[in-house]
Amino acid sequence: MPIRFDPHTLKTHGRLQFSRAISGQISTAHPHSDGERGYSYVIEMGRRSTYRLFVDESGMQRVLAELPVDRPSYMHSFGMSERYLVLTEFPLRVNPLKLVFSGRPFITNYRWQPEFGTVFTVIDKSTGAVAARARASSCFCFHHVNAFEADGALLVDLLAYPDARIIDELRLDRLRSGAQVNPTSTLTRYRIPLDGSPSAAVEIEPEPLCGTRIELPRIDYSRRAGRSYRCVWGAGQSEPDSFLDTIAKVELSATAPATVTTWAEPGCYAGEPVFVARPAGGEEDDGVLLSVVLDVGAGRSFLLVLDAATLAELARASVPHHIPFGFHGNYFAPPDRSAR
């Protein structure tokens, strides 16, 4: 669950500052913001489980939509366009009562049930009403990349795996044994028609956009989130059996296959690339990428700075030890003190 901290003392304020209406046991590592409001969801598990989407306006939260669900899906993230939010339910589902009483680790209670397929529910950001539903063949995903509206449809881009085996393959004991991480994700697009009846799910087909293996995707979020976009960056694999050892830039085109640019260095394993836009820049890739990279040979890590457009190295700053792998980070510009 989201926890608030005092920025000076790091004292926790707990969940008391969140509205009592926003109740649930599971949340997401990837809330969204459109520059005016923040959006997120919680899942309340019980005899009657609920997906509860909420909006944050100036620190005040209110429920936007509540969707009842019998067998909640494991969802790590969700999508947002200019007008809509989209929950993507993958067929990795759980019986909430068995989860409570099993005594087993959390994720081992979920079951892969491909007969459910992948279900998309589109929610209007203004009213909370369900605007559309769609169903596709079964897949699994950790990370949505972006979503936007075009030609009467909502286009949802995510990194799709064929199934949920990736969860077991990323167990620490398997990684330490040197076992291969076989399942790989594919940057995939789903087109959800917005002119149908929201009471019935339409059948849609996945559209692979690029075969390059990436994870931990990032875009020019402040300017392109919820809008059409061209560039996505991520940590990638140079070989099917390698760990994340490259940084990749994928450039999408409506008229040509995607183009891919990569950075790699022998014995180095890159963390999530964080995009920092040039303050006065205009192009979508005008800025730099920041990534914490592990240099196995040297036994230490360094902060890598790349030109976001070309992936040419601009600088690096080493530390005298290794930094454990993290997952997600953000860059915040320092306050403008020129007016003082």
C-alpha atoms as a PDB file:
ATOM      1  CA  MET A   1       0.000   0.000   0.000  1.00  0.00           C
ATOM      2  CA  PRO A   2       1.150   3.606  -0.513  1.00  0.00           C
ATOM      3  CA  ILE A   3       2.809   5.011   2.600  1.00  0.00           C
ATOM      4  CA  ARG A   4       3.535   8.689   3.204  1.00  0.00           C
ATOM      5  CA  PHE A   5       6.758   9.865   4.845  1.00  0.00           C
ATOM      6  CA  ASP A   6       7.839  13.123   6.388  1.00  0.00           C
ATOM      7  CA  PRO A   7      10.555  14.293   3.951  1.00  0.00           C
ATOM      8  CA  HIS A   8      12.728  15.659   6.768  1.00  0.00           C
ATOM      9  CA  THR A   9      12.473  13.040   9.514  1.00  0.00           C
ATOM     10  CA  LEU A  10      11.322  10.018   7.444  1.00  0.00           C
ATOM     11  CA  LYS A  11       8.664   9.419  10.078  1.00  0.00           C
ATOM     12  CA  THR A  12       5.837   7.392   8.552  1.00  0.00           C
ATOM     13  CA  HIS A  13       2.354   8.842   8.482  1.00  0.00           C
ATOM     14  CA  GLY A  14       0.874   5.484   7.518  1.00  0.00           C
ATOM     15  CA  ARG A  15      -2.368   5.172   5.606  1.00  0.00           C
ATOM     16  CA  LEU A  16      -4.350   7.509   7.846  1.00  0.00           C
ATOM     17  CA  GLN A  17      -4.003  10.338   5.359  1.00  0.00           C
ATOM     18  CA  PHE A  18      -5.755   8.304   2.688  1.00  0.00           C
ATOM     19  CA  SER A  19      -9.530   8.350   2.507  1.00  0.00           C
ATOM     20  CA  ARG A  20     -11.223   5.551   4.459  1.00  0.00           C
ATOM     21  CA  ALA A  21     -13.176   4.804   1.280  1.00  0.00           C
ATOM     22  CA  ILE A  22      -9.935   3.764  -0.430  1.00  0.00           C
ATOM     23  CA  SER A  23      -9.717   0.409   1.313  1.00  0.00           C
ATOM     24  CA  GLY A  24      -7.958  -2.663   0.017  1.00  0.00           C
ATOM     25  CA  GLN A  25      -4.978  -4.933   0.612  1.00  0.00           C
ATOM     26  CA  ILE A  26      -3.130  -4.686  -2.717  1.00  0.00           C
ATOM     27  CA  SER A  27      -2.115  -1.659  -4.750  1.00  0.00           C
ATOM     28  CA  THR A  28       0.232  -0.930  -7.666  1.00  0.00           C
ATOM     29  CA  ALA A  29       3.818   0.219  -8.036  1.00  0.00           C
ATOM     30  CA  HIS A  30       2.743   2.319 -11.021  1.00  0.00           C
ATOM     31  CA  PRO A  31       0.196   5.054 -10.262  1.00  0.00           C
ATOM     32  CA  HIS A  32      -0.470   7.533 -13.057  1.00  0.00           C
ATOM     33  CA  SER A  33      -0.703  11.305 -13.323  1.00  0.00           C
ATOM     34  CA  ASP A  34      -1.983  13.433 -16.180  1.00  0.00           C
ATOM     35  CA  GLY A  35      -0.521  16.638 -14.759  1.00  0.00           C
ATOM     36  CA  GLU A  36      -3.761  17.594 -13.044  1.00  0.00           C
ATOM     37  CA  ARG A  37      -4.824  14.483 -11.144  1.00  0.00           C
ATOM     38  CA  GLY A  38      -3.293  11.275  -9.924  1.00  0.00           C
ATOM     39  CA  TYR A  39      -4.871   7.865 -10.563  1.00  0.00           C
ATOM     40  CA  SER A  40      -4.376   4.496  -8.930  1.00  0.00           C
ATOM     41  CA  TYR A  41      -6.279   1.452  -7.735  1.00  0.00           C
ATOM     42  CA  VAL A  42      -6.498  -0.980  -4.852  1.00  0.00           C
ATOM     43  CA  ILE A  43      -7.816  -4.527  -4.769  1.00  0.00           C
ATOM     44  CA  GLU A  44      -9.959  -5.428  -1.804  1.00  0.00           C
ATOM     45  CA  MET A  45      -9.880  -9.182  -1.214  1.00  0.00           C
ATOM     46  CA  GLY A  46     -12.753 -10.974   0.502  1.00  0.00           C
ATOM     47  CA  ARG A  47     -15.866 -13.016  -0.055  1.00  0.00           C
ATOM     48  CA  ARG A  48     -16.816 -10.243  -2.450  1.00  0.00           C
ATOM     49  CA  SER A  49     -13.664  -8.808  -3.958  1.00  0.00           C
ATOM     50  CA  THR A  50     -13.470  -5.394  -5.626  1.00  0.00           C
ATOM     51  CA  TYR A  51     -11.185  -3.483  -7.961  1.00  0.00           C
ATOM     52  CA  ARG A  52     -11.376   0.071  -6.644  1.00  0.00           C
ATOM     53  CA  LEU A  53      -9.989   2.873  -8.824  1.00  0.00           C
ATOM     54  CA  PHE A  54      -9.439   6.243  -7.202  1.00  0.00           C
ATOM     55  CA  VAL A  55      -8.360   9.728  -8.160  1.00  0.00           C
ATOM     56  CA  ASP A  56      -6.147  12.081  -6.145  1.00  0.00           C
ATOM     57  CA  GLU A  57      -6.842  15.795  -6.468  1.00  0.00           C
ATOM     58  CA  SER A  58      -4.566  18.071  -4.420  1.00  0.00           C
ATOM     59  CA  GLY A  59      -3.995  15.338  -1.840  1.00  0.00           C
ATOM     60  CA  MET A  60      -7.667  14.416  -1.490  1.00  0.00           C
ATOM     61  CA  GLN A  61      -8.675  10.975  -2.720  1.00  0.00           C
ATOM     62  CA  ARG A  62     -12.084   9.888  -3.951  1.00  0.00           C
ATOM     63  CA  VAL A  63     -13.340   6.648  -5.424  1.00  0.00           C
ATOM     64  CA  LEU A  64     -13.728   6.842  -9.178  1.00  0.00           C
ATOM     65  CA  ALA A  65     -15.051   3.353  -9.921  1.00  0.00           C
ATOM     66  CA  GLU A  66     -15.675   0.034  -8.205  1.00  0.00           C
ATOM     67  CA  LEU A  67     -15.651  -3.207 -10.186  1.00  0.00           C
ATOM     68  CA  PRO A  68     -16.731  -6.438  -8.475  1.00  0.00           C
ATOM     69  CA  VAL A  69     -14.594  -9.492  -9.218  1.00  0.00           C
ATOM     70  CA  ASP A  70     -14.863 -13.133  -8.169  1.00  0.00           C
ATOM     71  CA  ARG A  71     -11.264 -14.235  -8.783  1.00  0.00           C
ATOM     72  CA  PRO A  72      -8.940 -11.206  -8.751  1.00  0.00           C
ATOM     73  CA  SER A  73      -6.145 -11.112 -11.300  1.00  0.00           C
ATOM     74  CA  TYR A  74      -2.511 -10.385 -10.541  1.00  0.00           C
ATOM     75  CA  MET A  75      -1.988  -6.920 -12.050  1.00  0.00           C
ATOM     76  CA  HIS A  76       1.293  -5.057 -11.595  1.00  0.00           C
ATOM     77  CA  SER A  77       0.327  -1.934 -13.542  1.00  0.00           C
ATOM     78  CA  PHE A  78      -2.494  -0.391 -15.575  1.00  0.00           C
ATOM     79  CA  GLY A  79      -2.976   1.937 -18.536  1.00  0.00           C
ATOM     80  CA  MET A  80      -3.971   5.585 -18.923  1.00  0.00           C
ATOM     81  CA  SER A  81      -4.886   7.693 -21.947  1.00  0.00           C
ATOM     82  CA  GLU A  82      -6.130  11.279 -22.078  1.00  0.00           C
ATOM     83  CA  ARG A  83      -9.750  10.251 -21.407  1.00  0.00           C
ATOM     84  CA  TYR A  84      -9.579   6.720 -20.023  1.00  0.00           C
ATOM     85  CA  LEU A  85      -8.028   4.308 -17.552  1.00  0.00           C
ATOM     86  CA  VAL A  86      -7.719   0.637 -18.466  1.00  0.00           C
ATOM     87  CA  LEU A  87      -7.445  -2.363 -16.159  1.00  0.00           C
ATOM     88  CA  THR A  88      -5.930  -5.398 -17.861  1.00  0.00           C
ATOM     89  CA  GLU A  89      -6.808  -8.672 -16.155  1.00  0.00           C
ATOM     90  CA  PHE A  90      -4.436 -11.489 -17.018  1.00  0.00           C
ATOM     91  CA  PRO A  91      -5.507 -15.091 -16.386  1.00  0.00           C
ATOM     92  CA  LEU A  92      -3.262 -15.422 -13.316  1.00  0.00           C
ATOM     93  CA  ARG A  93      -6.029 -15.419 -10.719  1.00  0.00           C
ATOM     94  CA  VAL A  94      -6.561 -16.175  -7.065  1.00  0.00           C
ATOM     95  CA  ASN A  95      -9.298 -17.460  -4.785  1.00  0.00           C
ATOM     96  CA  PRO A  96      -9.205 -14.837  -1.988  1.00  0.00           C
ATOM     97  CA  LEU A  97     -10.337 -17.241   0.729  1.00  0.00           C
ATOM     98  CA  LYS A  98      -7.642 -19.764  -0.160  1.00  0.00           C
ATOM     99  CA  LEU A  99      -5.120 -16.922  -0.141  1.00  0.00           C
ATOM    100  CA  VAL A 100      -6.040 -16.085   3.449  1.00  0.00           C
ATOM    101  CA  PHE A 101      -5.896 -19.621   4.837  1.00  0.00           C
ATOM    102  CA  SER A 102      -3.265 -21.376   2.710  1.00  0.00           C
ATOM    103  CA  GLY A 103      -0.241 -20.348   4.765  1.00  0.00           C
ATOM    104  CA  ARG A 104       1.806 -20.191   1.538  1.00  0.00           C
ATOM    105  CA  PRO A 105       3.727 -17.226   0.096  1.00  0.00           C
ATOM    106  CA  PHE A 106       1.485 -14.678  -1.618  1.00  0.00           C
ATOM    107  CA  ILE A 107       2.124 -15.291  -5.315  1.00  0.00           C
ATOM    108  CA  THR A 108       2.067 -19.112  -5.036  1.00  0.00           C
ATOM    109  CA  ASN A 109      -1.671 -18.943  -4.371  1.00  0.00           C
ATOM    110  CA  TYR A 110      -2.367 -17.623  -7.868  1.00  0.00           C
ATOM    111  CA  ARG A 111      -3.270 -20.085 -10.622  1.00  0.00           C
ATOM    112  CA  TRP A 112      -2.722 -19.784 -14.362  1.00  0.00           C
ATOM    113  CA  GLN A 113      -6.165 -20.163 -15.967  1.00  0.00           C
ATOM    114  CA  PRO A 114      -5.793 -19.400 -19.686  1.00  0.00           C
ATOM    115  CA  GLU A 115      -9.463 -20.122 -20.344  1.00  0.00           C
ATOM    116  CA  PHE A 116     -10.235 -16.667 -18.905  1.00  0.00           C
ATOM    117  CA  GLY A 117      -8.160 -14.971 -21.614  1.00  0.00           C
ATOM    118  CA  THR A 118      -6.934 -11.401 -21.145  1.00  0.00           C
ATOM    119  CA  VAL A 119      -9.732  -8.991 -20.239  1.00  0.00           C
ATOM    120  CA  PHE A 120      -9.573  -5.216 -20.728  1.00  0.00           C
ATOM    121  CA  THR A 121     -11.944  -2.849 -18.914  1.00  0.00           C
ATOM    122  CA  VAL A 122     -11.883   0.795 -20.013  1.00  0.00           C
ATOM    123  CA  ILE A 123     -13.064   3.394 -17.459  1.00  0.00           C
ATOM    124  CA  ASP A 124     -13.924   7.015 -18.200  1.00  0.00           C
ATOM    125  CA  LYS A 125     -11.609   9.267 -16.143  1.00  0.00           C
ATOM    126  CA  SER A 126     -14.315  11.909 -15.716  1.00  0.00           C
ATOM    127  CA  THR A 127     -17.346   9.825 -14.747  1.00  0.00           C
ATOM    128  CA  GLY A 128     -15.962   6.466 -13.635  1.00  0.00           C
ATOM    129  CA  ALA A 129     -18.325   4.714 -16.044  1.00  0.00           C
ATOM    130  CA  VAL A 130     -17.216   1.629 -17.968  1.00  0.00           C
ATOM    131  CA  ALA A 131     -16.721   2.828 -21.543  1.00  0.00           C
ATOM    132  CA  ALA A 132     -15.626  -0.414 -23.209  1.00  0.00           C
ATOM    133  CA  ARG A 133     -14.649  -4.012 -22.587  1.00  0.00           C
ATOM    134  CA  ALA A 134     -12.487  -6.311 -24.673  1.00  0.00           C
ATOM    135  CA  ARG A 135     -11.053  -9.809 -24.530  1.00  0.00           C
ATOM    136  CA  ALA A 136      -7.891 -11.211 -26.110  1.00  0.00           C
ATOM    137  CA  SER A 137      -5.973 -14.474 -25.971  1.00  0.00           C
ATOM    138  CA  SER A 138      -4.194 -15.248 -22.721  1.00  0.00           C
ATOM    139  CA  CYS A 139      -0.936 -13.481 -21.896  1.00  0.00           C
ATOM    140  CA  PHE A 140       0.863 -12.090 -18.868  1.00  0.00           C
ATOM    141  CA  CYS A 141       2.435  -8.709 -18.256  1.00  0.00           C
ATOM    142  CA  PHE A 142       4.213  -6.736 -15.562  1.00  0.00           C
ATOM    143  CA  HIS A 143       4.430  -3.365 -17.300  1.00  0.00           C
ATOM    144  CA  HIS A 144       2.151  -1.282 -19.445  1.00  0.00           C
ATOM    145  CA  VAL A 145       4.095   1.072 -21.716  1.00  0.00           C
ATOM    146  CA  ASN A 146       1.477   3.624 -22.783  1.00  0.00           C
ATOM    147  CA  ALA A 147      -2.107   4.006 -23.992  1.00  0.00           C
ATOM    148  CA  PHE A 148      -3.693   6.557 -26.305  1.00  0.00           C
ATOM    149  CA  GLU A 149      -6.789   7.168 -28.387  1.00  0.00           C
ATOM    150  CA  ALA A 150      -6.741   7.068 -32.189  1.00  0.00           C
ATOM    151  CA  ASP A 151      -9.299   6.432 -34.936  1.00  0.00           C
ATOM    152  CA  GLY A 152     -12.147   5.530 -32.605  1.00  0.00           C
ATOM    153  CA  ALA A 153     -10.125   3.061 -30.560  1.00  0.00           C
ATOM    154  CA  LEU A 154      -8.015   2.939 -27.432  1.00  0.00           C
ATOM    155  CA  LEU A 155      -4.534   1.617 -28.204  1.00  0.00           C
ATOM    156  CA  VAL A 156      -2.956  -0.166 -25.246  1.00  0.00           C
ATOM    157  CA  ASP A 157       0.755  -1.009 -25.463  1.00  0.00           C
ATOM    158  CA  LEU A 158       2.337  -3.413 -22.989  1.00  0.00           C
ATOM    159  CA  LEU A 159       5.140  -5.950 -22.630  1.00  0.00           C
ATOM    160  CA  ALA A 160       3.386  -9.292 -23.071  1.00  0.00           C
ATOM    161  CA  TYR A 161       4.677 -12.714 -22.012  1.00  0.00           C
ATOM    162  CA  PRO A 162       3.038 -15.894 -23.363  1.00  0.00           C
ATOM    163  CA  ASP A 163       2.242 -17.026 -19.806  1.00  0.00           C
ATOM    164  CA  ALA A 164       3.201 -16.406 -16.161  1.00  0.00           C
ATOM    165  CA  ARG A 165       6.251 -18.706 -16.021  1.00  0.00           C
ATOM    166  CA  ILE A 166       8.466 -15.637 -15.804  1.00  0.00           C
ATOM    167  CA  ILE A 167       7.491 -15.274 -12.120  1.00  0.00           C
ATOM    168  CA  ASP A 168       8.954 -18.656 -11.205  1.00  0.00           C
ATOM    169  CA  GLU A 169      11.958 -18.130 -13.458  1.00  0.00           C
ATOM    170  CA  LEU A 170      12.864 -14.949 -11.573  1.00  0.00           C
ATOM    171  CA  ARG A 171      12.962 -16.682  -8.198  1.00  0.00           C
ATOM    172  CA  LEU A 172      16.229 -15.894  -6.439  1.00  0.00           C
ATOM    173  CA  ASP A 173      17.226 -19.542  -6.008  1.00  0.00           C
ATOM    174  CA  ARG A 174      16.890 -20.149  -9.751  1.00  0.00           C
ATOM    175  CA  LEU A 175      18.884 -17.046 -10.657  1.00  0.00           C
ATOM    176  CA  ARG A 176      21.666 -18.029  -8.251  1.00  0.00           C
ATOM    177  CA  SER A 177      21.806 -21.500  -9.788  1.00  0.00           C
ATOM    178  CA  GLY A 178      22.564 -20.015 -13.203  1.00  0.00           C
ATOM    179  CA  ALA A 179      19.375 -21.343 -14.773  1.00  0.00           C
ATOM    180  CA  GLN A 180      18.212 -19.635 -17.939  1.00  0.00           C
ATOM    181  CA  VAL A 181      15.394 -17.084 -17.862  1.00  0.00           C
ATOM    182  CA  ASN A 182      13.551 -18.380 -20.913  1.00  0.00           C
ATOM    183  CA  PRO A 183      10.266 -16.447 -21.295  1.00  0.00           C
ATOM    184  CA  THR A 184      10.760 -13.068 -22.924  1.00  0.00           C
ATOM    185  CA  SER A 185       8.368 -10.181 -23.366  1.00  0.00           C
ATOM    186  CA  THR A 186       7.142  -8.707 -26.634  1.00  0.00           C
ATOM    187  CA  LEU A 187       6.112  -5.078 -27.075  1.00  0.00           C
ATOM    188  CA  THR A 188       2.485  -5.642 -28.065  1.00  0.00           C
ATOM    189  CA  ARG A 189      -0.445  -3.380 -28.983  1.00  0.00           C
ATOM    190  CA  TYR A 190      -4.152  -4.023 -28.372  1.00  0.00           C
ATOM    191  CA  ARG A 191      -6.811  -1.950 -30.151  1.00  0.00           C
ATOM    192  CA  ILE A 192     -10.014  -1.632 -28.142  1.00  0.00           C
ATOM    193  CA  PRO A 193     -12.983  -0.190 -30.080  1.00  0.00           C
ATOM    194  CA  LEU A 194     -14.675   2.689 -28.278  1.00  0.00           C
ATOM    195  CA  ASP A 195     -17.917   2.636 -30.259  1.00  0.00           C
ATOM    196  CA  GLY A 196     -19.371  -0.638 -28.977  1.00  0.00           C
ATOM    197  CA  SER A 197     -21.520  -1.580 -26.024  1.00  0.00           C
ATOM    198  CA  PRO A 198     -19.612  -1.589 -22.713  1.00  0.00           C
ATOM    199  CA  SER A 199     -21.774  -4.445 -21.444  1.00  0.00           C
ATOM    200  CA  ALA A 200     -20.235  -7.010 -23.811  1.00  0.00           C
ATOM    201  CA  ALA A 201     -16.537  -7.680 -24.364  1.00  0.00           C
ATOM    202  CA  VAL A 202     -15.410  -7.559 -27.986  1.00  0.00           C
ATOM    203  CA  GLU A 203     -12.752  -9.979 -29.198  1.00  0.00           C
ATOM    204  CA  ILE A 204      -9.481  -8.313 -30.204  1.00  0.00           C
ATOM    205  CA  GLU A 205      -6.138  -9.552 -31.517  1.00  0.00           C
ATOM    206  CA  PRO A 206      -2.630  -8.693 -30.256  1.00  0.00           C
ATOM    207  CA  GLU A 207      -0.350  -6.727 -32.602  1.00  0.00           C
ATOM    208  CA  PRO A 208       3.377  -7.321 -31.949  1.00  0.00           C
ATOM    209  CA  LEU A 209       5.280  -4.068 -32.450  1.00  0.00           C
ATOM    210  CA  CYS A 210       8.882  -5.136 -31.936  1.00  0.00           C
ATOM    211  CA  GLY A 211      10.713  -8.395 -31.259  1.00  0.00           C
ATOM    212  CA  THR A 212      13.524  -6.861 -29.218  1.00  0.00           C
ATOM    213  CA  ARG A 213      13.546  -8.144 -25.645  1.00  0.00           C
ATOM    214  CA  ILE A 214      13.072  -5.333 -23.130  1.00  0.00           C
ATOM    215  CA  GLU A 215      11.692  -4.832 -19.639  1.00  0.00           C
ATOM    216  CA  LEU A 216      11.313  -1.898 -17.240  1.00  0.00           C
ATOM    217  CA  PRO A 217      10.012   0.356 -20.057  1.00  0.00           C
ATOM    218  CA  ARG A 218      10.167   4.140 -19.872  1.00  0.00           C
ATOM    219  CA  ILE A 219       8.783   6.890 -22.110  1.00  0.00           C
ATOM    220  CA  ASP A 220       8.870  10.696 -22.092  1.00  0.00           C
ATOM    221  CA  TYR A 221       6.157  10.470 -19.462  1.00  0.00           C
ATOM    222  CA  SER A 222       5.556  14.137 -18.690  1.00  0.00           C
ATOM    223  CA  ARG A 223       4.820  14.941 -22.328  1.00  0.00           C
ATOM    224  CA  ARG A 224       3.696  11.654 -23.924  1.00  0.00           C
ATOM    225  CA  ALA A 225       1.833   9.673 -21.242  1.00  0.00           C
ATOM    226  CA  GLY A 226      -1.684   9.035 -22.538  1.00  0.00           C
ATOM    227  CA  ARG A 227      -0.783  10.424 -25.957  1.00  0.00           C
ATOM    228  CA  SER A 228       0.644   9.029 -29.169  1.00  0.00           C
ATOM    229  CA  TYR A 229       4.371   8.467 -28.814  1.00  0.00           C
ATOM    230  CA  ARG A 230       7.400   7.323 -30.756  1.00  0.00           C
ATOM    231  CA  CYS A 231      10.117   6.277 -28.283  1.00  0.00           C
ATOM    232  CA  VAL A 232      10.333   3.704 -25.523  1.00  0.00           C
ATOM    233  CA  TRP A 233      13.496   2.811 -23.629  1.00  0.00           C
ATOM    234  CA  GLY A 234      14.131  -0.278 -21.526  1.00  0.00           C
ATOM    235  CA  ALA A 235      16.666  -2.714 -20.103  1.00  0.00           C
ATOM    236  CA  GLY A 236      17.174  -5.535 -22.568  1.00  0.00           C
ATOM    237  CA  GLN A 237      18.749  -8.918 -23.165  1.00  0.00           C
ATOM    238  CA  SER A 238      21.489  -9.419 -25.736  1.00  0.00           C
ATOM    239  CA  GLU A 239      20.763 -13.174 -25.830  1.00  0.00           C
ATOM    240  CA  PRO A 240      17.713 -15.254 -24.870  1.00  0.00           C
ATOM    241  CA  ASP A 241      19.581 -16.781 -21.906  1.00  0.00           C
ATOM    242  CA  SER A 242      21.233 -13.584 -20.642  1.00  0.00           C
ATOM    243  CA  PHE A 243      20.140 -11.343 -17.809  1.00  0.00           C
ATOM    244  CA  LEU A 244      19.348  -7.654 -18.469  1.00  0.00           C
ATOM    245  CA  ASP A 245      22.671  -6.605 -19.984  1.00  0.00           C
ATOM    246  CA  THR A 246      21.747  -3.891 -22.489  1.00  0.00           C
ATOM    247  CA  ILE A 247      19.872  -0.630 -22.710  1.00  0.00           C
ATOM    248  CA  ALA A 248      17.598  -0.443 -25.725  1.00  0.00           C
ATOM    249  CA  LYS A 249      15.724   2.343 -27.467  1.00  0.00           C
ATOM    250  CA  VAL A 250      12.762   1.313 -29.628  1.00  0.00           C
ATOM    251  CA  GLU A 251      11.423   3.861 -32.131  1.00  0.00           C
ATOM    252  CA  LEU A 252       7.920   3.126 -33.370  1.00  0.00           C
ATOM    253  CA  SER A 253       6.585   4.158 -36.765  1.00  0.00           C
ATOM    254  CA  ALA A 254       3.130   3.987 -38.304  1.00  0.00           C
ATOM    255  CA  THR A 255       4.575   3.298 -41.741  1.00  0.00           C
ATOM    256  CA  ALA A 256       7.687   1.171 -41.131  1.00  0.00           C
ATOM    257  CA  PRO A 257       9.012  -1.519 -38.781  1.00  0.00           C
ATOM    258  CA  ALA A 258      10.320  -0.356 -35.418  1.00  0.00           C
ATOM    259  CA  THR A 259      14.000   0.572 -35.256  1.00  0.00           C
ATOM    260  CA  VAL A 260      16.183  -0.403 -32.297  1.00  0.00           C
ATOM    261  CA  THR A 261      19.361   1.170 -30.886  1.00  0.00           C
ATOM    262  CA  THR A 262      21.295  -0.455 -28.039  1.00  0.00           C
ATOM    263  CA  TRP A 263      24.062   0.227 -25.531  1.00  0.00           C
ATOM    264  CA  ALA A 264      26.056  -2.638 -24.017  1.00  0.00           C
ATOM    265  CA  GLU A 265      29.409  -3.240 -22.363  1.00  0.00           C
ATOM    266  CA  PRO A 266      30.919  -6.672 -21.581  1.00  0.00           C
ATOM    267  CA  GLY A 267      30.295  -7.820 -18.026  1.00  0.00           C
ATOM    268  CA  CYS A 268      27.856  -5.001 -17.303  1.00  0.00           C
ATOM    269  CA  TYR A 269      24.199  -5.320 -16.294  1.00  0.00           C
ATOM    270  CA  ALA A 270      22.012  -2.248 -16.628  1.00  0.00           C
ATOM    271  CA  GLY A 271      19.178  -1.182 -14.369  1.00  0.00           C
ATOM    272  CA  GLU A 272      16.025   0.581 -15.498  1.00  0.00           C
ATOM    273  CA  PRO A 273      16.852   3.586 -17.718  1.00  0.00           C
ATOM    274  CA  VAL A 274      15.253   6.786 -16.418  1.00  0.00           C
ATOM    275  CA  PHE A 275      14.543   9.450 -19.060  1.00  0.00           C
ATOM    276  CA  VAL A 276      15.317  13.073 -18.200  1.00  0.00           C
ATOM    277  CA  ALA A 277      14.037  15.575 -20.750  1.00  0.00           C
ATOM    278  CA  ARG A 278      16.099  18.595 -21.691  1.00  0.00           C
ATOM    279  CA  PRO A 279      14.229  21.552 -20.111  1.00  0.00           C
ATOM    280  CA  ALA A 280      14.035  23.484 -23.364  1.00  0.00           C
ATOM    281  CA  GLY A 281      13.954  20.451 -25.619  1.00  0.00           C
ATOM    282  CA  GLY A 282      11.235  19.811 -28.144  1.00  0.00           C
ATOM    283  CA  GLU A 283      11.847  16.332 -29.534  1.00  0.00           C
ATOM    284  CA  GLU A 284      10.539  13.309 -27.702  1.00  0.00           C
ATOM    285  CA  ASP A 285      14.052  11.900 -27.237  1.00  0.00           C
ATOM    286  CA  ASP A 286      15.801  15.210 -26.513  1.00  0.00           C
ATOM    287  CA  GLY A 287      17.351  14.464 -23.139  1.00  0.00           C
ATOM    288  CA  VAL A 288      19.428  11.899 -21.307  1.00  0.00           C
ATOM    289  CA  LEU A 289      18.986   8.438 -19.833  1.00  0.00           C
ATOM    290  CA  LEU A 290      20.187   7.570 -16.321  1.00  0.00           C
ATOM    291  CA  SER A 291      20.883   3.947 -15.405  1.00  0.00           C
ATOM    292  CA  VAL A 292      22.657   2.314 -12.458  1.00  0.00           C
ATOM    293  CA  VAL A 293      24.896  -0.354 -14.009  1.00  0.00           C
ATOM    294  CA  LEU A 294      26.603  -3.269 -12.254  1.00  0.00           C
ATOM    295  CA  ASP A 295      30.157  -3.928 -13.485  1.00  0.00           C
ATOM    296  CA  VAL A 296      30.709  -7.559 -12.505  1.00  0.00           C
ATOM    297  CA  GLY A 297      34.432  -7.595 -13.286  1.00  0.00           C
ATOM    298  CA  ALA A 298      35.157  -4.539 -11.162  1.00  0.00           C
ATOM    299  CA  GLY A 299      32.739  -5.568  -8.406  1.00  0.00           C
ATOM    300  CA  ARG A 300      31.145  -2.144  -8.297  1.00  0.00           C
ATOM    301  CA  SER A 301      28.392  -0.084  -9.882  1.00  0.00           C
ATOM    302  CA  PHE A 302      28.264   3.188 -11.746  1.00  0.00           C
ATOM    303  CA  LEU A 303      25.655   5.730 -12.794  1.00  0.00           C
ATOM    304  CA  LEU A 304      25.591   5.808 -16.591  1.00  0.00           C
ATOM    305  CA  VAL A 305      24.456   8.885 -18.505  1.00  0.00           C
ATOM    306  CA  LEU A 306      23.485   8.354 -22.146  1.00  0.00           C
ATOM    307  CA  ASP A 307      22.233  10.624 -24.893  1.00  0.00           C
ATOM    308  CA  ALA A 308      18.593   9.493 -25.071  1.00  0.00           C
ATOM    309  CA  ALA A 309      18.459   9.945 -28.854  1.00  0.00           C
ATOM    310  CA  THR A 310      21.608   8.034 -29.853  1.00  0.00           C
ATOM    311  CA  LEU A 311      22.514   6.079 -26.690  1.00  0.00           C
ATOM    312  CA  ALA A 312      26.021   7.527 -26.931  1.00  0.00           C
ATOM    313  CA  GLU A 313      27.716   7.678 -23.537  1.00  0.00           C
ATOM    314  CA  LEU A 314      27.998  11.172 -22.084  1.00  0.00           C
ATOM    315  CA  ALA A 315      29.334  10.426 -18.604  1.00  0.00           C
ATOM    316  CA  ARG A 316      29.581   7.888 -15.802  1.00  0.00           C
ATOM    317  CA  ALA A 317      30.075   8.186 -12.053  1.00  0.00           C
ATOM    318  CA  SER A 318      31.468   5.135 -10.249  1.00  0.00           C
ATOM    319  CA  VAL A 319      31.069   4.151  -6.611  1.00  0.00           C
ATOM    320  CA  PRO A 320      33.571   1.905  -4.754  1.00  0.00           C
ATOM    321  CA  HIS A 321      31.069  -0.915  -4.193  1.00  0.00           C
ATOM    322  CA  HIS A 322      28.144  -2.663  -5.865  1.00  0.00           C
ATOM    323  CA  ILE A 323      24.622  -1.262  -5.626  1.00  0.00           C
ATOM    324  CA  PRO A 324      21.883  -3.903  -5.318  1.00  0.00           C
ATOM    325  CA  PHE A 325      19.533  -4.007  -8.280  1.00  0.00           C
ATOM    326  CA  GLY A 326      16.494  -1.814  -7.922  1.00  0.00           C
ATOM    327  CA  PHE A 327      13.381  -1.655 -10.024  1.00  0.00           C
ATOM    328  CA  HIS A 328      11.810   1.746 -10.509  1.00  0.00           C
ATOM    329  CA  GLY A 329      13.072   5.284 -10.114  1.00  0.00           C
ATOM    330  CA  ASN A 330      12.264   8.847 -11.099  1.00  0.00           C
ATOM    331  CA  TYR A 331      14.185  12.040 -11.670  1.00  0.00           C
ATOM    332  CA  PHE A 332      12.999  15.312 -10.184  1.00  0.00           C
ATOM    333  CA  ALA A 333      14.581  18.604 -11.204  1.00  0.00           C
ATOM    334  CA  PRO A 334      15.986  20.625  -8.299  1.00  0.00           C
ATOM    335  CA  PRO A 335      14.042  23.770  -7.293  1.00  0.00           C
ATOM    336  CA  ASP A 336      14.717  26.873  -9.343  1.00  0.00           C
ATOM    337  CA  ARG A 337      16.662  29.102  -6.978  1.00  0.00           C
ATOM    338  CA  SER A 338      17.453  31.777  -9.547  1.00  0.00           C
ATOM    339  CA  ALA A 339      14.565  33.950  -8.350  1.00  0.00           C
ATOM    340  CA  ARG A 340      15.931  34.171  -4.832  1.00  0.00           C
END
